[in-house]
PDB file of N, CA and C in Angstrom:
ATOM      1  N   UNK A   1      49.630  81.617 -24.969  1.00  0.00           N
ATOM      2  CA  UNK A   1      48.970  82.886 -24.722  1.00  0.00           C
ATOM      3  C   UNK A   1      49.731  83.969 -25.506  1.00  0.00           C
ATOM      4  N   UNK A   2      48.966  84.843 -26.152  1.00  0.00           N
ATOM      5  CA  UNK A   2      49.546  85.969 -26.849  1.00  0.00           C
ATOM      6  C   UNK A   2      49.235  87.186 -26.057  1.00  0.00           C
ATOM      7  N   UNK A   3      50.255  87.984 -25.817  1.00  0.00           N
ATOM      8  CA  UNK A   3      50.115  89.223 -25.044  1.00  0.00           C
ATOM      9  C   UNK A   3      50.520  90.384 -25.954  1.00  0.00           C
ATOM     10  N   UNK A   4      49.633  91.372 -26.097  1.00  0.00           N
ATOM     11  CA  UNK A   4      49.907  92.476 -27.012  1.00  0.00           C
ATOM     12  C   UNK A   4      49.581  93.804 -26.283  1.00  0.00           C
ATOM     13  N   UNK A   5      50.287  94.823 -26.701  1.00  0.00           N
ATOM     14  CA  UNK A   5      49.913  96.183 -26.273  1.00  0.00           C
ATOM     15  C   UNK A   5      49.283  96.842 -27.470  1.00  0.00           C
ATOM     16  N   UNK A   6      48.067  97.336 -27.325  1.00  0.00           N
ATOM     17  CA  UNK A   6      47.285  97.852 -28.411  1.00  0.00           C
ATOM     18  C   UNK A   6      46.934  99.329 -28.161  1.00  0.00           C
ATOM     19  N   UNK A   7      47.243 100.171 -29.136  1.00  0.00           N
ATOM     20  CA  UNK A   7      46.962 101.591 -29.021  1.00  0.00           C
ATOM     21  C   UNK A   7      45.648 101.963 -29.672  1.00  0.00           C
ATOM     22  N   UNK A   8      45.059 103.031 -29.206  1.00  0.00           N
ATOM     23  CA  UNK A   8      43.844 103.546 -29.812  1.00  0.00           C
ATOM     24  C   UNK A   8      42.546 103.073 -29.129  1.00  0.00           C
ATOM     25  N   UNK A   9      42.647 102.258 -28.079  1.00  0.00           N
ATOM     26  CA  UNK A   9      41.466 101.801 -27.396  1.00  0.00           C
ATOM     27  C   UNK A   9      41.104 102.818 -26.316  1.00  0.00           C
ATOM     28  N   UNK A  10      39.854 103.296 -26.338  1.00  0.00           N
ATOM     29  CA  UNK A  10      39.468 104.306 -25.341  1.00  0.00           C
ATOM     30  C   UNK A  10      38.170 104.029 -24.597  1.00  0.00           C
ATOM     31  N   UNK A  11      37.417 103.025 -25.062  1.00  0.00           N
ATOM     32  CA  UNK A  11      36.096 102.801 -24.449  1.00  0.00           C
ATOM     33  C   UNK A  11      35.634 101.345 -24.591  1.00  0.00           C
ATOM     34  N   UNK A  12      34.479 101.081 -24.055  1.00  0.00           N
ATOM     35  CA  UNK A  12      33.903  99.746 -24.130  1.00  0.00           C
ATOM     36  C   UNK A  12      33.655  99.302 -25.550  1.00  0.00           C
ATOM     37  N   UNK A  13      33.342 100.212 -26.421  1.00  0.00           N
ATOM     38  CA  UNK A  13      33.157  99.851 -27.842  1.00  0.00           C
ATOM     39  C   UNK A  13      34.458  99.333 -28.464  1.00  0.00           C
ATOM     40  N   UNK A  14      35.552  99.962 -28.036  1.00  0.00           N
ATOM     41  CA  UNK A  14      36.874  99.498 -28.547  1.00  0.00           C
ATOM     42  C   UNK A  14      37.150  98.087 -28.057  1.00  0.00           C
ATOM     43  N   UNK A  15      36.865  97.822 -26.804  1.00  0.00           N
ATOM     44  CA  UNK A  15      37.076  96.499 -26.250  1.00  0.00           C
ATOM     45  C   UNK A  15      36.278  95.473 -27.056  1.00  0.00           C
ATOM     46  N   UNK A  16      35.020  95.776 -27.325  1.00  0.00           N
ATOM     47  CA  UNK A  16      34.165  94.876 -28.102  1.00  0.00           C
ATOM     48  C   UNK A  16      34.689  94.699 -29.507  1.00  0.00           C
ATOM     49  N   UNK A  17      35.162  95.770 -30.121  1.00  0.00           N
ATOM     50  CA  UNK A  17      35.664  95.676 -31.513  1.00  0.00           C
ATOM     51  C   UNK A  17      36.917  94.805 -31.594  1.00  0.00           C
ATOM     52  N   UNK A  18      37.816  94.964 -30.650  1.00  0.00           N
ATOM     53  CA  UNK A  18      39.055  94.144 -30.647  1.00  0.00           C
ATOM     54  C   UNK A  18      38.683  92.683 -30.356  1.00  0.00           C
ATOM     55  N   UNK A  19      37.801  92.463 -29.428  1.00  0.00           N
ATOM     56  CA  UNK A  19      37.409  91.101 -29.111  1.00  0.00           C
ATOM     57  C   UNK A  19      36.749  90.449 -30.308  1.00  0.00           C
ATOM     58  N   UNK A  20      35.852  91.169 -30.973  1.00  0.00           N
ATOM     59  CA  UNK A  20      35.207  90.596 -32.203  1.00  0.00           C
ATOM     60  C   UNK A  20      36.199  90.294 -33.309  1.00  0.00           C
ATOM     61  N   UNK A  21      37.170  91.188 -33.506  1.00  0.00           N
ATOM     62  CA  UNK A  21      38.180  91.026 -34.548  1.00  0.00           C
ATOM     63  C   UNK A  21      38.956  89.724 -34.337  1.00  0.00           C
ATOM     64  N   UNK A  22      39.344  89.475 -33.094  1.00  0.00           N
ATOM     65  CA  UNK A  22      40.114  88.242 -32.788  1.00  0.00           C
ATOM     66  C   UNK A  22      39.194  87.006 -32.885  1.00  0.00           C
ATOM     67  N   UNK A  23      37.967  87.110 -32.393  1.00  0.00           N
ATOM     68  CA  UNK A  23      37.106  85.952 -32.407  1.00  0.00           C
ATOM     69  C   UNK A  23      36.533  85.629 -33.801  1.00  0.00           C
ATOM     70  N   UNK A  24      36.689  86.531 -34.717  1.00  0.00           N
ATOM     71  CA  UNK A  24      36.352  86.171 -36.131  1.00  0.00           C
ATOM     72  C   UNK A  24      37.371  85.137 -36.635  1.00  0.00           C
ATOM     73  N   UNK A  25      38.590  85.190 -36.165  1.00  0.00           N
ATOM     74  CA  UNK A  25      39.636  84.224 -36.537  1.00  0.00           C
ATOM     75  C   UNK A  25      39.360  82.871 -35.870  1.00  0.00           C
ATOM     76  N   UNK A  26      38.998  82.924 -34.600  1.00  0.00           N
ATOM     77  CA  UNK A  26      38.742  81.708 -33.799  1.00  0.00           C
ATOM     78  C   UNK A  26      37.664  82.019 -32.765  1.00  0.00           C
ATOM     79  N   UNK A  27      36.424  81.637 -33.044  1.00  0.00           N
ATOM     80  CA  UNK A  27      35.348  81.920 -32.094  1.00  0.00           C
ATOM     81  C   UNK A  27      35.578  81.401 -30.657  1.00  0.00           C
ATOM     82  N   UNK A  28      36.412  80.381 -30.520  1.00  0.00           N
ATOM     83  CA  UNK A  28      36.682  79.802 -29.214  1.00  0.00           C
ATOM     84  C   UNK A  28      37.807  80.513 -28.499  1.00  0.00           C
ATOM     85  N   UNK A  29      38.497  81.462 -29.140  1.00  0.00           N
ATOM     86  CA  UNK A  29      39.601  82.201 -28.457  1.00  0.00           C
ATOM     87  C   UNK A  29      39.078  82.960 -27.281  1.00  0.00           C
ATOM     88  N   UNK A  30      39.822  82.930 -26.202  1.00  0.00           N
ATOM     89  CA  UNK A  30      39.537  83.707 -25.014  1.00  0.00           C
ATOM     90  C   UNK A  30      40.300  85.007 -25.094  1.00  0.00           C
ATOM     91  N   UNK A  31      39.586  86.137 -25.162  1.00  0.00           N
ATOM     92  CA  UNK A  31      40.218  87.446 -25.336  1.00  0.00           C
ATOM     93  C   UNK A  31      39.949  88.254 -24.073  1.00  0.00           C
ATOM     94  N   UNK A  32      41.065  88.803 -23.539  1.00  0.00           N
ATOM     95  CA  UNK A  32      40.952  89.628 -22.338  1.00  0.00           C
ATOM     96  C   UNK A  32      41.566  90.994 -22.702  1.00  0.00           C
ATOM     97  N   UNK A  33      40.820  92.079 -22.504  1.00  0.00           N
ATOM     98  CA  UNK A  33      41.296  93.377 -22.824  1.00  0.00           C
ATOM     99  C   UNK A  33      41.296  94.249 -21.565  1.00  0.00           C
ATOM    100  N   UNK A  34      42.474  94.830 -21.251  1.00  0.00           N
ATOM    101  CA  UNK A  34      42.609  95.748 -20.156  1.00  0.00           C
ATOM    102  C   UNK A  34      42.722  97.166 -20.719  1.00  0.00           C
ATOM    103  N   UNK A  35      41.627  97.896 -20.706  1.00  0.00           N
ATOM    104  CA  UNK A  35      41.585  99.219 -21.300  1.00  0.00           C
ATOM    105  C   UNK A  35      42.587 100.167 -20.643  1.00  0.00           C
ATOM    106  N   UNK A  36      42.739 100.084 -19.328  1.00  0.00           N
ATOM    107  CA  UNK A  36      43.606 100.991 -18.586  1.00  0.00           C
ATOM    108  C   UNK A  36      45.066 100.895 -19.021  1.00  0.00           C
ATOM    109  N   UNK A  37      45.522  99.683 -19.298  1.00  0.00           N
ATOM    110  CA  UNK A  37      46.914  99.465 -19.667  1.00  0.00           C
ATOM    111  C   UNK A  37      47.128  99.315 -21.180  1.00  0.00           C
ATOM    112  N   UNK A  38      46.023  99.120 -21.923  1.00  0.00           N
ATOM    113  CA  UNK A  38      46.118  98.900 -23.347  1.00  0.00           C
ATOM    114  C   UNK A  38      46.629  97.540 -23.686  1.00  0.00           C
ATOM    115  N   UNK A  39      46.455  96.577 -22.785  1.00  0.00           N
ATOM    116  CA  UNK A  39      46.942  95.211 -23.024  1.00  0.00           C
ATOM    117  C   UNK A  39      45.819  94.297 -23.449  1.00  0.00           C
ATOM    118  N   UNK A  40      46.124  93.456 -24.414  1.00  0.00           N
ATOM    119  CA  UNK A  40      45.226  92.450 -24.919  1.00  0.00           C
ATOM    120  C   UNK A  40      45.870  91.083 -24.789  1.00  0.00           C
ATOM    121  N   UNK A  41      45.192  90.144 -24.176  1.00  0.00           N
ATOM    122  CA  UNK A  41      45.663  88.791 -24.060  1.00  0.00           C
ATOM    123  C   UNK A  41      44.702  87.856 -24.793  1.00  0.00           C
ATOM    124  N   UNK A  42      45.328  86.935 -25.550  1.00  0.00           N
ATOM    125  CA  UNK A  42      44.526  85.989 -26.354  1.00  0.00           C
ATOM    126  C   UNK A  42      44.983  84.597 -26.047  1.00  0.00           C
ATOM    127  N   UNK A  43      44.080  83.747 -25.617  1.00  0.00           N
ATOM    128  CA  UNK A  43      44.356  82.332 -25.372  1.00  0.00           C
ATOM    129  C   UNK A  43      43.627  81.536 -26.467  1.00  0.00           C
ATOM    130  N   UNK A  44      44.361  80.738 -27.184  1.00  0.00           N
ATOM    131  CA  UNK A  44      43.747  79.950 -28.235  1.00  0.00           C
ATOM    132  C   UNK A  44      44.808  79.517 -29.213  1.00  0.00           C
ATOM    133  N   UNK A  45      44.432  78.831 -30.245  1.00  0.00           N
ATOM    134  CA  UNK A  45      45.356  78.271 -31.241  1.00  0.00           C
ATOM    135  C   UNK A  45      45.523  79.222 -32.460  1.00  0.00           C
ATOM    136  N   UNK A  46      45.911  80.450 -32.168  1.00  0.00           N
ATOM    137  CA  UNK A  46      46.067  81.436 -33.228  1.00  0.00           C
ATOM    138  C   UNK A  46      47.532  81.876 -33.336  1.00  0.00           C
ATOM    139  N   UNK A  47      47.914  82.187 -34.540  1.00  0.00           N
ATOM    140  CA  UNK A  47      49.256  82.743 -34.741  1.00  0.00           C
ATOM    141  C   UNK A  47      49.277  84.212 -34.375  1.00  0.00           C
ATOM    142  N   UNK A  48      50.333  84.633 -33.748  1.00  0.00           N
ATOM    143  CA  UNK A  48      50.505  86.013 -33.311  1.00  0.00           C
ATOM    144  C   UNK A  48      50.290  87.005 -34.467  1.00  0.00           C
ATOM    145  N   UNK A  49      50.880  86.697 -35.613  1.00  0.00           N
ATOM    146  CA  UNK A  49      50.766  87.618 -36.751  1.00  0.00           C
ATOM    147  C   UNK A  49      49.329  87.753 -37.225  1.00  0.00           C
ATOM    148  N   UNK A  50      48.560  86.677 -37.153  1.00  0.00           N
ATOM    149  CA  UNK A  50      47.152  86.748 -37.551  1.00  0.00           C
ATOM    150  C   UNK A  50      46.340  87.636 -36.609  1.00  0.00           C
ATOM    151  N   UNK A  51      46.639  87.493 -35.329  1.00  0.00           N
ATOM    152  CA  UNK A  51      45.945  88.335 -34.299  1.00  0.00           C
ATOM    153  C   UNK A  51      46.303  89.775 -34.495  1.00  0.00           C
ATOM    154  N   UNK A  52      47.588  90.053 -34.686  1.00  0.00           N
ATOM    155  CA  UNK A  52      48.022  91.462 -34.901  1.00  0.00           C
ATOM    156  C   UNK A  52      47.330  92.050 -36.102  1.00  0.00           C
ATOM    157  N   UNK A  53      47.286  91.300 -37.226  1.00  0.00           N
ATOM    158  CA  UNK A  53      46.659  91.785 -38.442  1.00  0.00           C
ATOM    159  C   UNK A  53      45.163  92.056 -38.238  1.00  0.00           C
ATOM    160  N   UNK A  54      44.494  91.175 -37.550  1.00  0.00           N
ATOM    161  CA  UNK A  54      43.040  91.364 -37.310  1.00  0.00           C
ATOM    162  C   UNK A  54      42.789  92.586 -36.475  1.00  0.00           C
ATOM    163  N   UNK A  55      43.579  92.857 -35.488  1.00  0.00           N
ATOM    164  CA  UNK A  55      43.429  94.045 -34.628  1.00  0.00           C
ATOM    165  C   UNK A  55      43.727  95.281 -35.435  1.00  0.00           C
ATOM    166  N   UNK A  56      44.779  95.266 -36.230  1.00  0.00           N
ATOM    167  CA  UNK A  56      45.072  96.439 -37.054  1.00  0.00           C
ATOM    168  C   UNK A  56      44.045  96.687 -38.098  1.00  0.00           C
ATOM    169  N   UNK A  57      43.448  95.650 -38.655  1.00  0.00           N
ATOM    170  CA  UNK A  57      42.344  95.813 -39.652  1.00  0.00           C
ATOM    171  C   UNK A  57      41.141  96.409 -39.005  1.00  0.00           C
ATOM    172  N   UNK A  58      40.979  96.224 -37.713  1.00  0.00           N
ATOM    173  CA  UNK A  58      39.838  96.811 -36.979  1.00  0.00           C
ATOM    174  C   UNK A  58      40.094  98.271 -36.648  1.00  0.00           C
ATOM    175  N   UNK A  59      41.296  98.810 -36.980  1.00  0.00           N
ATOM    176  CA  UNK A  59      41.575 100.205 -36.757  1.00  0.00           C
ATOM    177  C   UNK A  59      42.414 100.600 -35.551  1.00  0.00           C
ATOM    178  N   UNK A  60      43.070  99.595 -34.958  1.00  0.00           N
ATOM    179  CA  UNK A  60      43.913  99.862 -33.811  1.00  0.00           C
ATOM    180  C   UNK A  60      45.371  99.582 -34.152  1.00  0.00           C
ATOM    181  N   UNK A  61      46.266 100.078 -33.345  1.00  0.00           N
ATOM    182  CA  UNK A  61      47.694  99.857 -33.567  1.00  0.00           C
ATOM    183  C   UNK A  61      48.219  98.801 -32.557  1.00  0.00           C
ATOM    184  N   UNK A  62      49.016  97.930 -33.085  1.00  0.00           N
ATOM    185  CA  UNK A  62      49.630  96.911 -32.204  1.00  0.00           C
ATOM    186  C   UNK A  62      51.119  97.346 -32.043  1.00  0.00           C
ATOM    187  N   UNK A  63      51.462  97.587 -30.758  1.00  0.00           N
ATOM    188  CA  UNK A  63      52.804  98.065 -30.490  1.00  0.00           C
ATOM    189  C   UNK A  63      53.664  96.810 -30.108  1.00  0.00           C
ATOM    190  N   UNK A  64      54.732  96.604 -30.852  1.00  0.00           N
ATOM    191  CA  UNK A  64      55.584  95.449 -30.543  1.00  0.00           C
ATOM    192  C   UNK A  64      57.008  95.968 -30.436  1.00  0.00           C
ATOM    193  N   UNK A  65      57.770  95.360 -29.584  1.00  0.00           N
ATOM    194  CA  UNK A  65      59.212  95.726 -29.487  1.00  0.00           C
ATOM    195  C   UNK A  65      59.921  95.167 -30.677  1.00  0.00           C
ATOM    196  N   UNK A  66      60.903  95.894 -31.140  1.00  0.00           N
ATOM    197  CA  UNK A  66      61.676  95.435 -32.273  1.00  0.00           C
ATOM    198  C   UNK A  66      61.150  95.858 -33.630  1.00  0.00           C
ATOM    199  N   UNK A  67      60.064  96.621 -33.592  1.00  0.00           N
ATOM    200  CA  UNK A  67      59.536  97.126 -34.867  1.00  0.00           C
ATOM    201  C   UNK A  67      60.021  98.516 -35.173  1.00  0.00           C
TER     202      UNK A  67
END
């Protein structure tokens, strides 16, 4: 499971956009977005870097520790 904190999400459209971005990589991936906390969880066989890149390409920021 990949757990990310994503900035810039403010509405249901944002939730759908992030979900679509991840599922373009793997349509079978289970994506859970908590708008209130800005957390995105992804269950599937995806690399963390690929998920981060897809979300950033959709126009959102991925906040990670150590960056």
